[in-house]
Protein backbone atom coordinates (compact mmCIF):
# COMPACT_ATOMS: atom_id res chain seq x y z
CA MET A 1 17.46 34.59 81.54
CA VAL A 2 17.20 37.27 78.87
CA GLN A 3 13.84 39.20 79.02
CA LEU A 4 13.00 39.87 75.09
CA PHE A 5 9.79 42.25 75.63
CA LEU A 6 8.09 40.98 72.53
CA GLN A 7 4.73 42.29 73.53
CA VAL A 8 3.41 45.71 74.19
CA PRO A 9 2.01 45.40 77.54
CA ALA A 10 -1.68 46.64 77.97
CA GLU A 11 -1.13 47.67 81.47
CA VAL A 12 1.90 48.52 83.41
CA GLY A 13 2.78 48.71 87.10
CA SER A 14 5.16 50.77 89.02
CA VAL A 15 8.46 51.87 87.34
CA ASN A 16 11.81 51.48 88.90
CA THR A 17 13.36 54.81 87.85
CA ILE A 18 16.75 53.96 89.00
CA ALA A 19 16.60 50.84 86.77
CA VAL A 20 15.51 52.71 83.88
CA LYS A 21 18.21 55.42 84.43
CA ALA A 22 20.76 52.58 84.55
CA ARG A 23 19.68 51.18 81.37
CA ARG A 24 19.88 54.61 79.67
CA SER A 25 23.72 54.65 80.89
CA LEU A 26 24.27 51.30 79.57
CA LEU A 27 23.05 52.12 76.24
CA SER A 28 25.30 55.24 76.15
CA ASN A 29 28.17 53.07 77.06
CA ALA A 30 27.35 50.49 74.61
CA GLU A 31 27.25 53.39 71.81
CA SER A 32 30.67 54.44 72.97
CA ILE A 33 32.00 50.93 72.62
CA ILE A 34 30.49 50.54 69.22
CA LYS A 35 32.03 53.75 67.96
CA SER A 36 35.47 52.93 69.32
CA VAL A 37 35.35 49.47 67.37
CA ILE A 38 34.34 50.87 64.14
CA LYS A 39 36.84 53.95 64.46
CA SER A 40 39.91 51.55 65.59
CA GLY A 41 39.72 49.27 62.62
CA GLY A 42 36.28 48.27 61.51
CA ARG A 43 35.11 51.17 59.77
CA TYR A 44 36.06 49.69 56.16
CA GLU A 45 34.07 46.69 57.03
CA ALA A 46 31.02 48.85 58.42
CA ARG A 47 30.93 50.77 55.32
CA LEU A 48 30.69 47.73 53.20
CA TRP A 49 27.86 46.43 55.29
CA LEU A 50 26.18 49.94 54.78
CA HIS A 51 26.79 49.60 50.93
CA SER A 52 24.87 46.28 51.08
CA THR A 53 22.00 47.71 52.96
CA VAL A 54 21.69 50.65 50.55
CA SER A 55 21.92 48.23 47.53
CA SER A 56 18.58 46.37 48.90
CA VAL A 57 16.63 49.92 48.33
CA HIS A 58 13.77 49.17 46.25
CA SER A 59 11.36 52.15 46.28
CA LEU A 60 13.06 54.01 43.26
CA ASN A 61 11.98 54.05 39.81
CA ARG A 62 14.19 53.55 36.91
CA HIS A 63 14.23 57.19 35.66
CA ASP A 64 15.27 58.38 39.10
CA GLN A 65 17.92 55.69 39.37
CA ARG A 66 19.45 56.84 36.10
CA ASP A 67 19.40 60.34 37.13
CA LEU A 68 20.88 59.53 40.64
CA PHE A 69 23.90 57.79 39.11
CA LEU A 70 24.34 60.46 36.31
CA ASP A 71 24.63 63.06 39.26
CA LEU A 72 27.29 60.84 40.97
CA LEU A 73 29.37 60.55 37.70
CA GLU A 74 29.28 64.44 37.41
CA MET A 75 30.74 64.60 41.11
CA LYS A 76 34.28 65.74 41.32
CA ASN A 77 36.81 62.87 41.25
CA SER A 78 34.30 60.56 39.84
CA ARG A 79 35.98 60.43 36.45
CA GLN A 80 38.77 58.18 37.18
CA ASP A 81 37.08 55.70 39.82
CA VAL A 82 33.19 55.52 39.53
CA SER A 83 33.00 56.26 35.71
CA ALA A 84 35.88 53.89 35.03
CA ARG A 85 34.30 51.32 36.83
CA LEU A 86 30.94 51.77 35.41
CA LEU A 87 32.61 51.48 31.87
CA ARG A 88 34.16 48.37 32.76
CA MET A 89 30.62 46.99 33.82
CA ILE A 90 29.36 48.04 30.39
CA PHE A 91 32.29 46.36 28.50
CA GLU A 92 31.62 43.09 30.49
CA LYS A 93 27.93 43.10 30.43
CA LYS A 94 26.77 45.19 27.23
CA PRO A 95 29.95 45.14 25.12
CA GLU A 96 27.78 45.46 21.94
CA ARG A 97 26.65 48.88 23.10
CA ALA A 98 30.33 50.11 23.32
CA GLY A 99 31.07 48.20 20.00
CA TYR A 100 28.35 50.31 18.17
CA ILE A 101 30.22 53.36 19.20
CA LEU A 102 33.74 52.19 18.44
CA ALA A 103 32.55 51.05 14.89
CA LYS A 104 31.98 54.68 14.07
CA LYS A 105 35.36 55.97 15.53
CA CYS A 106 37.83 55.11 12.85
CA HIS A 107 40.50 57.42 14.21
CA MET A 108 40.31 55.74 17.34
CA LEU A 109 40.68 52.12 15.77
CA GLU A 110 43.86 53.53 13.85
CA GLU A 111 45.46 54.74 16.87
CA PHE A 112 44.72 51.58 18.62
CA PHE A 113 46.44 49.41 16.29
CA ARG A 114 49.23 51.72 14.94
CA GLY A 115 52.69 50.74 16.31
CA ASN A 116 51.20 47.76 18.30
CA PRO A 117 52.02 44.17 16.72
CA GLY A 118 50.43 42.44 19.77
CA ARG A 119 46.93 44.06 19.29
CA THR A 120 47.33 43.75 15.51
CA MET A 121 48.02 39.93 15.66
CA GLN A 122 45.19 39.32 18.34
CA TRP A 123 42.55 41.08 16.07
CA PHE A 124 43.80 40.53 12.55
CA GLY A 125 45.62 37.23 12.72
CA HIS A 126 42.64 34.62 12.95
CA PHE A 127 42.68 33.40 9.27
CA ALA A 128 40.85 30.09 8.55
CA VAL A 129 42.89 26.99 8.37
CA THR A 130 42.36 23.88 6.00
CA GLY A 131 38.71 22.81 6.98
CA GLU A 132 37.46 25.84 8.41
CA SER A 133 35.03 27.79 6.20
CA THR A 134 35.45 31.46 7.61
CA HIS A 135 38.05 33.70 9.00
CA LYS A 136 37.27 35.29 12.40
CA LYS A 137 37.33 38.87 13.82
CA GLY A 138 39.20 41.36 12.03
CA ALA A 139 40.79 38.78 9.55
CA ARG A 140 37.08 38.42 8.12
CA ALA A 141 36.86 42.13 7.87
CA LEU A 142 40.50 42.51 6.18
CA SER A 143 39.81 39.70 3.57
CA GLN A 144 36.22 40.87 2.75
CA PHE A 145 37.45 44.40 2.25
CA ALA A 146 40.27 43.15 0.29
CA PHE A 147 38.16 41.16 -2.26
CA VAL A 148 35.58 43.99 -2.64
CA ASN A 149 38.23 46.65 -3.31
CA ARG A 150 41.00 44.19 -4.81
CA ASP A 151 41.53 46.77 -7.70
CA ILE A 152 42.73 49.67 -5.23
CA CYS A 153 44.10 47.56 -2.15
CA TRP A 154 45.29 44.01 -3.42
CA GLU A 155 48.85 45.37 -3.90
CA GLU A 156 49.12 46.46 -0.47
CA LEU A 157 48.77 42.73 0.88
CA GLU A 158 51.97 41.49 2.01
CA TRP A 159 52.61 37.62 1.64
CA LYS A 160 55.21 35.47 3.55
CA GLY A 161 56.05 33.32 0.78
CA LYS A 162 58.16 34.12 -2.45
CA HIS A 163 55.03 35.40 -4.64
CA GLY A 164 52.02 36.79 -3.77
CA GLN A 165 48.47 35.12 -4.15
CA SER A 166 46.00 36.38 -6.94
CA PRO A 167 42.52 37.15 -5.81
CA ALA A 168 41.22 34.37 -7.98
CA VAL A 169 43.30 31.56 -6.18
CA VAL A 170 42.68 32.96 -2.73
CA ALA A 171 38.86 33.14 -3.52
CA THR A 172 38.80 29.31 -3.97
CA LYS A 173 41.32 28.57 -1.27
CA PRO A 174 40.69 30.90 1.76
CA HIS A 175 43.12 29.14 3.79
CA TYR A 176 46.02 30.63 1.71
CA PHE A 177 45.45 33.74 3.92
CA ARG A 178 47.23 31.98 6.32
CA ASP A 179 50.44 32.75 4.44
CA LEU A 180 49.68 36.67 4.86
CA ASP A 181 52.12 38.85 6.50
CA VAL A 182 49.62 40.50 8.85
CA LEU A 183 51.77 42.82 10.56
CA HIS A 184 53.15 44.51 7.32
CA THR A 185 49.72 44.20 5.57
CA VAL A 186 48.06 46.11 8.57
CA GLU A 187 50.85 48.70 8.38
CA ASN A 188 50.33 49.29 4.79
CA PHE A 189 46.51 49.77 5.30
CA LEU A 190 47.12 52.23 8.07
CA GLU A 191 49.47 54.13 5.60
CA TYR A 192 47.73 53.79 2.38
CA VAL A 193 44.34 52.57 2.61
CA PRO A 194 42.44 55.00 4.95
CA ASP A 195 38.86 53.88 3.37
CA PHE A 196 39.42 50.58 5.19
CA TRP A 197 39.33 51.92 8.71
CA SER A 198 35.75 53.54 7.96
CA SER A 199 34.63 50.52 6.16
CA ASP A 200 31.26 48.62 6.66
CA GLU A 201 33.45 45.48 6.85
CA LEU A 202 35.60 46.57 9.72
CA ALA A 203 32.49 48.15 11.56
CA ASP A 204 30.69 44.78 11.22
CA SER A 205 33.50 43.02 13.07
CA ILE A 206 33.72 45.72 15.88
CA LYS A 207 29.90 46.07 16.63
CA ASP A 208 29.79 42.91 19.12
CA GLY A 209 32.60 44.75 21.10
CA GLU A 210 34.54 41.55 21.39
CA ILE A 211 37.64 43.76 20.43
CA LEU A 212 37.10 45.61 24.09
CA GLN A 213 38.67 42.31 25.64
CA ILE A 214 42.10 43.00 23.78
CA ASP A 215 42.74 46.04 25.90
CA THR A 216 40.05 47.07 28.39
CA GLU A 217 41.95 49.80 30.07
CA TYR A 218 42.83 51.65 26.66
CA PHE A 219 39.00 51.67 25.70
CA VAL A 220 38.14 52.80 28.99
CA ASP A 221 40.30 55.76 28.86
CA GLN A 222 39.06 56.67 25.24
CA PHE A 223 35.24 56.32 26.62
CA LEU A 224 36.18 58.82 29.29
CA TYR A 225 37.77 61.12 26.99
CA LEU A 226 34.53 60.81 24.70
CA MET A 227 32.32 61.72 27.81
CA TYR A 228 34.13 64.20 29.54
CA GLU A 229 36.25 65.86 26.83
CA GLU A 230 34.11 65.56 23.63
CA ASN A 231 30.84 65.35 25.68
CA SER A 232 29.74 62.65 23.12
CA LYS A 233 25.92 62.11 23.04
CA ASP A 234 26.39 58.72 21.76
CA ALA A 235 28.84 57.74 24.64
CA TRP A 236 26.48 59.20 27.39
CA GLN A 237 23.49 57.59 25.80
CA VAL A 238 25.09 54.11 26.21
CA VAL A 239 25.98 54.98 29.94
CA GLU A 240 22.25 56.30 30.46
CA ASP A 241 20.64 53.28 28.97
CA PHE A 242 22.87 50.87 31.13
CA LEU A 243 21.89 52.82 34.27
CA MET A 244 18.22 52.36 33.37
CA ASP A 245 18.40 48.81 32.56
CA GLU A 246 20.83 47.37 35.40
CA GLN A 247 19.46 46.60 38.75
CA PHE A 248 19.85 49.30 41.41
CA SER A 249 21.43 46.64 43.76
CA THR A 250 24.18 45.66 41.08
CA LEU A 251 25.03 49.25 40.65
CA SER A 252 25.39 50.14 44.15
CA GLN A 253 27.46 46.99 45.05
CA HIS A 254 29.90 47.74 42.44
CA LEU A 255 30.20 51.46 42.41
CA LEU A 256 29.52 52.76 46.06
CA ILE A 257 32.82 51.09 47.16
CA HIS A 258 34.84 53.59 45.14
CA LEU A 259 33.52 56.74 46.86
CA ASP A 260 35.19 58.87 49.39
CA GLU A 261 32.83 59.48 52.52
CA GLN A 262 31.79 62.98 51.31
CA ARG A 263 30.53 61.63 48.00
CA LEU A 264 28.76 58.82 49.69
CA LEU A 265 27.12 60.97 51.91
CA ASP A 266 26.03 63.19 49.09
CA PHE A 267 24.70 60.18 47.19
CA LEU A 268 22.71 59.10 50.23
CA LYS A 269 21.13 62.51 50.57
CA ALA A 270 20.33 62.66 46.98
CA LEU A 271 18.90 59.00 47.29
CA GLY A 272 16.88 60.13 50.13
CA LYS A 273 15.15 63.04 47.91
CA LEU A 274 14.13 60.44 45.16
CA ILE A 275 12.70 57.37 47.18
CA SER A 276 8.98 57.23 48.52
CA PRO A 277 8.58 54.70 51.22
CA THR A 278 5.44 52.58 50.90
CA SER A 279 3.11 51.55 53.75
CA GLN A 280 5.05 48.28 53.41
CA CYS A 281 8.04 50.06 54.58
CA LYS A 282 6.28 51.14 57.86
CA GLU A 283 5.72 47.48 58.54
CA LEU A 284 9.54 46.88 58.05
CA ALA A 285 8.83 44.21 55.61
CA SER A 286 12.20 44.42 54.30
CA PRO A 287 15.70 44.77 55.98
CA CYS A 288 16.22 48.27 54.27
CA CYS A 289 12.86 49.72 55.18
CA TRP A 290 14.29 51.63 58.18
CA LEU A 291 16.80 53.21 55.87
CA GLU A 292 14.54 54.32 53.27
CA VAL A 293 12.35 56.04 55.84
CA LEU A 294 15.21 57.59 57.51
CA LEU A 295 16.83 58.84 54.35
CA SER A 296 13.61 60.24 52.80
CA ALA A 297 12.46 62.07 56.05
CA HIS A 298 15.81 63.13 57.58
CA GLY A 299 18.54 62.53 55.17
CA ASP A 300 19.66 66.22 55.00
CA HIS A 301 20.30 66.26 58.81
CA ILE A 302 22.17 62.92 59.50
CA SER A 303 25.77 62.21 59.28
CA LEU A 304 27.85 59.24 57.77
CA ASP A 305 28.93 58.39 61.21
CA ASP A 306 25.43 58.11 62.48
CA LEU A 307 24.28 55.95 59.44
CA ILE A 308 27.23 53.47 59.73
CA LEU A 309 26.41 53.06 63.38
CA LEU A 310 22.80 52.68 62.94
CA ASN A 311 23.34 50.05 60.30
CA CYS A 312 25.73 48.15 62.36
CA VAL A 313 23.29 47.86 65.15
CA ILE A 314 20.06 47.24 63.11
CA ALA A 315 21.05 45.20 60.15
CA ASN A 316 24.47 43.71 60.96
CA GLY A 317 24.33 42.77 64.56
CA ARG A 318 26.19 39.50 64.10
CA GLN A 319 28.84 40.98 61.97
CA LEU A 320 29.41 43.62 64.75
CA TRP A 321 29.49 41.00 67.35
CA ARG A 322 32.25 39.16 65.38
CA LEU A 323 34.10 42.21 64.83
CA LEU A 324 33.96 42.97 68.51
CA ASN A 325 35.40 39.40 69.24
CA ASP A 326 38.36 40.02 67.00
CA GLU A 327 41.86 39.89 68.64
CA GLU A 328 42.63 43.41 68.07
CA GLN A 329 39.40 44.46 69.96
CA GLU A 330 40.34 42.86 73.15
CA GLU A 331 39.99 45.87 75.46
CA GLU A 332 36.72 46.89 73.97
CA ARG A 333 35.36 43.37 74.28
CA GLY A 334 36.41 43.36 77.93
CA ARG A 335 34.36 46.62 78.22
CA MET A 336 31.42 45.15 76.60
CA ASP A 337 31.68 42.03 78.92
CA GLU A 338 31.55 44.10 81.89
CA LEU A 339 28.89 46.13 80.73
CA LEU A 340 26.59 42.97 80.15
CA LYS A 341 27.54 41.55 83.51
CA GLY A 342 26.53 44.64 85.25
CA ALA A 343 23.36 44.97 83.36
CA ASN A 344 20.13 45.25 85.47
CA HIS A 345 17.17 43.35 84.67
CA LEU A 346 14.08 45.39 83.60
CA THR A 347 10.39 44.68 84.23
CA ASP A 348 7.88 45.19 81.70
CA ALA A 349 7.02 48.44 83.43
CA ASP A 350 10.63 49.76 83.40
CA HIS A 351 10.99 48.81 79.79
CA PHE A 352 7.81 50.33 78.76
CA SER A 353 8.91 53.52 80.51
CA LEU A 354 12.34 53.46 78.44
CA MET A 355 10.39 52.94 75.26
CA THR A 356 8.07 55.91 76.24
CA GLU A 357 11.23 58.18 76.47
CA PHE A 358 12.30 57.10 73.20
CA LEU A 359 8.86 58.04 71.74
CA ASN A 360 9.29 61.43 72.39
CA LYS A 361 12.59 61.88 70.43
CA GLU A 362 13.29 62.56 66.79
CA PHE A 363 12.98 59.48 64.49
CA PRO A 364 17.08 59.01 64.05
CA ASP A 365 17.38 59.23 67.71
CA THR A 366 14.46 56.70 68.25
CA LEU A 367 16.02 54.25 65.60
CA LYS A 368 19.50 54.49 67.24
CA TRP A 369 18.46 53.82 70.94
CA ILE A 370 15.96 51.08 70.18
CA GLY A 371 18.58 49.66 67.62
CA ILE A 372 21.36 49.71 70.21
CA GLN A 373 18.98 48.13 72.81
CA SER A 374 18.25 45.36 70.31
CA TRP A 375 21.94 44.72 69.91
CA VAL A 376 22.53 44.60 73.64
CA ILE A 377 19.59 41.80 73.44
CA PHE A 378 21.59 40.13 70.63
CA CYS A 379 24.75 40.20 72.70
CA ASP A 380 23.03 38.77 75.86
CA LEU A 381 21.45 35.95 73.69
CA SER A 382 24.71 35.25 71.96
CA LYS A 383 26.34 34.38 75.29
CA ASP A 384 23.21 32.56 76.74
CA CYS A 385 21.95 30.40 73.74
CA LYS A 386 24.59 27.83 73.77
CA SER A 387 22.68 24.67 73.83
CA ALA A 388 19.20 23.36 72.83
CA ASP A 389 18.22 23.27 76.60
CA THR A 390 18.95 27.06 77.02
CA CYS A 391 17.23 28.13 74.00
CA GLU A 392 14.01 26.09 74.84
CA SER A 393 14.08 27.60 78.34
CA LEU A 394 14.48 31.10 76.74
CA PHE A 395 11.54 30.22 74.67
CA PHE A 396 9.30 29.25 77.79
CA HIS A 397 10.40 32.34 79.62
CA ASN A 398 9.30 34.77 76.90
CA LYS A 399 6.21 32.84 76.24
CA ILE A 400 7.34 31.98 72.47
CA GLU A 401 5.69 28.67 70.95
CA PHE A 402 7.95 26.46 69.11
CA ARG A 403 8.17 23.23 67.35
CA LYS A 404 11.35 21.11 67.13
CA THR A 405 12.33 20.34 63.46
CA GLY A 406 14.22 17.07 64.66
CA TYR A 407 17.60 17.08 63.05
CA TYR A 408 21.11 17.41 64.39
CA SER A 409 23.28 20.47 63.24
CA LEU A 410 26.86 21.03 63.56
CA VAL A 411 27.58 24.27 65.09
CA GLN A 412 30.95 26.14 65.18
CA ASN A 413 32.30 27.87 68.15
CA ASP A 414 31.91 31.16 66.57
CA GLY A 415 28.06 30.43 66.41
CA TYR A 416 27.57 29.83 62.78
CA SER A 417 26.05 26.87 61.36
CA ILE A 418 28.02 24.29 59.13
CA SER A 419 25.15 22.51 57.81
CA HIS A 420 21.41 22.67 57.48
CA LYS A 421 19.22 19.78 56.62
CA SER A 422 15.63 20.23 55.55
CA ASP A 423 12.58 18.42 56.61
CA THR A 424 12.47 16.58 53.18
CA ASP A 425 16.17 15.55 53.61
CA ASP A 426 15.04 13.90 56.83
CA GLU A 427 12.29 12.05 55.21
CA ASP A 428 14.59 10.89 52.25
CA LEU A 429 17.05 9.72 54.80
CA THR A 430 14.42 7.90 56.72
CA ARG A 431 13.14 6.20 53.72
CA SER A 432 16.57 5.12 52.47
CA SER A 433 17.29 3.75 55.78
CA ARG A 434 14.30 1.58 55.98
CA LYS A 435 15.20 0.26 52.42
CA ARG A 436 18.59 -0.60 53.61
CA ARG A 437 17.29 -2.33 56.80
CA LYS A 438 15.10 -4.42 54.51
CA ARG A 439 17.94 -5.46 52.42
CA ASN A 440 20.11 -6.06 55.44
CA ARG A 441 17.67 -8.50 57.05
CA LYS A 442 18.30 -10.92 54.10
CA LYS A 443 21.98 -10.73 54.42
CA ARG A 444 24.14 -12.77 57.14
CA ARG A 445 25.99 -10.69 59.39
CA PRO A 446 29.27 -12.41 60.33
CA ARG A 447 30.67 -9.83 62.84
CA TYR A 448 28.28 -8.48 65.53
CA GLU A 449 31.01 -6.55 67.07
CA SER A 450 31.26 -4.27 64.10
CA ASP A 451 28.19 -2.22 65.45
CA GLU A 452 30.43 -1.59 68.59
CA ASP A 453 33.45 -0.56 66.67
CA ASN A 454 31.30 1.90 64.46
CA LEU A 455 29.77 3.35 67.79
CA ASP A 456 33.26 3.83 69.09
CA GLN A 457 34.48 5.60 65.98
CA LEU A 458 31.27 8.02 66.15
CA LEU A 459 32.09 8.87 69.84
CA GLU A 460 35.70 9.37 68.94
CA LEU A 461 34.74 11.68 66.19
CA ALA A 462 32.27 13.55 68.54
CA SER A 463 35.00 13.95 71.04
CA SER A 464 37.43 15.10 68.61
CA ASN A 465 34.97 17.77 67.31
CA SER A 466 34.25 19.03 70.76
CA LYS A 467 37.92 19.46 71.26
CA ASN A 468 38.19 21.43 68.26
CA GLY A 469 35.53 23.86 69.18
CA VAL A 470 32.73 21.97 67.33
CA GLU A 471 29.81 20.66 69.12
CA LEU A 472 27.06 18.16 68.08
CA GLN A 473 23.99 20.18 68.91
CA ARG A 474 20.19 19.31 68.91
CA GLY A 475 18.77 22.58 68.12
CA SER A 476 16.39 23.75 65.35
CA TRP A 477 13.01 25.09 65.88
CA HIS A 478 9.92 26.65 64.10
CA LEU A 479 8.89 29.66 66.24
CA SER A 480 5.56 31.52 66.76
CA THR A 481 7.72 34.86 66.33
CA ASP A 482 7.32 34.36 62.63
CA GLY A 483 4.25 32.29 62.43
CA PHE A 484 6.34 29.13 62.29
CA SER A 485 7.48 29.91 58.62
CA ALA A 486 11.21 29.35 58.99
CA SER A 487 13.49 26.99 60.70
CA TRP A 488 15.98 28.73 63.14
CA ASP A 489 18.89 26.84 64.62
CA ILE A 490 21.08 27.80 67.50
CA ALA A 491 23.33 30.01 65.61
CA ASP A 492 20.40 32.15 64.23
CA ILE A 493 18.34 32.46 67.28
CA PRO A 494 20.00 35.67 68.62
CA ASP A 495 19.82 37.40 65.13
CA HIS A 496 16.30 36.42 64.77
CA LEU A 497 14.90 37.34 68.36
CA SER A 498 16.67 40.68 68.47
CA THR A 499 15.33 41.56 65.01
CA CYS A 500 11.77 40.70 66.15
CA TYR A 501 12.47 43.03 69.25
CA PHE A 502 13.50 45.91 67.14
CA LYS A 503 10.64 45.65 64.58
CA ILE A 504 7.97 45.59 67.27
CA TRP A 505 9.30 48.68 69.35
CA ILE A 506 10.01 50.65 66.27
CA LYS A 507 6.64 50.07 64.76
CA TRP A 508 5.21 50.95 68.17
CA ALA A 509 7.41 54.11 68.68
CA CYS A 510 7.32 55.42 65.12
CA PHE A 511 4.75 53.92 62.77
CA ARG A 512 1.44 53.67 64.78
């Protein structure tokens, strides 16, 4: 039975120094296995897990957030990946901000349409048909400008019919613009009507940023030129405003994935200089608190490899376990199985002695060893917690009070729950069942054997599910470890209890 050590003992007995030494050796070997798994194929995933943890950092004000990402944009190589990705985010979420800049760049608009009939038709070809009152997009700008400046540009309108249309006729019948030869007209305006490209009419049609959808990559390139070649204050202001307004989590999730490892490490070091962990962080109130404390105090002295390993064992134990059980990791999985089989059992005194050794180390080392120990506990629990009986025996053995929630849950063979039914769902189901029973009492039941048929079908289904690696398990509990505040099923027990262990001993070792 797994010993969880969820309480700091008031008194300790004699220590088995051989057992403590053996556990230190086990943790070192587990570290070696984890590093091997990450190096041999799991590094990309492990980096994504780190990005996810970083994105949950919350002790960063908006001005520092802006400055942090501005520094990232100015790093070497950021122009083509990070900056380009950020611009796509702006175009998608705040197109009007970029549209406002475009509306003032008449030369950029001229180059966008010149010699490109596809773009021209997409923007200027939306004239109203019979029954519609207004033209759309660039067609509205073209028609409005043509009416207001008819004395200087009406002759540049090209018509598909045998003769042109007069302003007076088109004013009463706007759908006649459907007969306009848009391509030739825009070509004429590019050549002979320069005032159109700097007109208020065209600017008004551009301001909402919808034009960005026609060719996003073209405008990304144009804005990169404005930012890095012309150093346009307007373009940089759009970027700064977006970095102030957007959530840190969103920016991190979308931008960090593009960074090479050196830029990522530089970003994390810079982040550590800007965050100020609160007292709640020392209570490990959120999943990223350990990272905030680590980066703020030791960011300059830690490697990316260390950060990735720490994040794996502290924040992503379940995912690391899944990675270890992939087919490609058969050798390392065998090593870990042998390691767990040969693990010695520690007494409270032995475990306290081990924790006392970690107490005297630097914070990053303490994090690492307690983190690896918590993941070893996770591995043991994942192997042992296979049924409701084994889970409840574990609770009894570790003096964890529990209350059954009283529903059935389908659990896959990889340990992930398929469904989760709330207590209110159970109550609704119970009430509806009672109503059905009352109605059924009033009806005659011609075939009593139907119940047996249904039972046979259910048994057959359960047997089939079991053969396919799915078991019908009774197992969901409220636990005293979190004040009975959440319902934990079999698949979640290892993660929850190993996390409880980690929090208890990190707070004892580092935040007293």
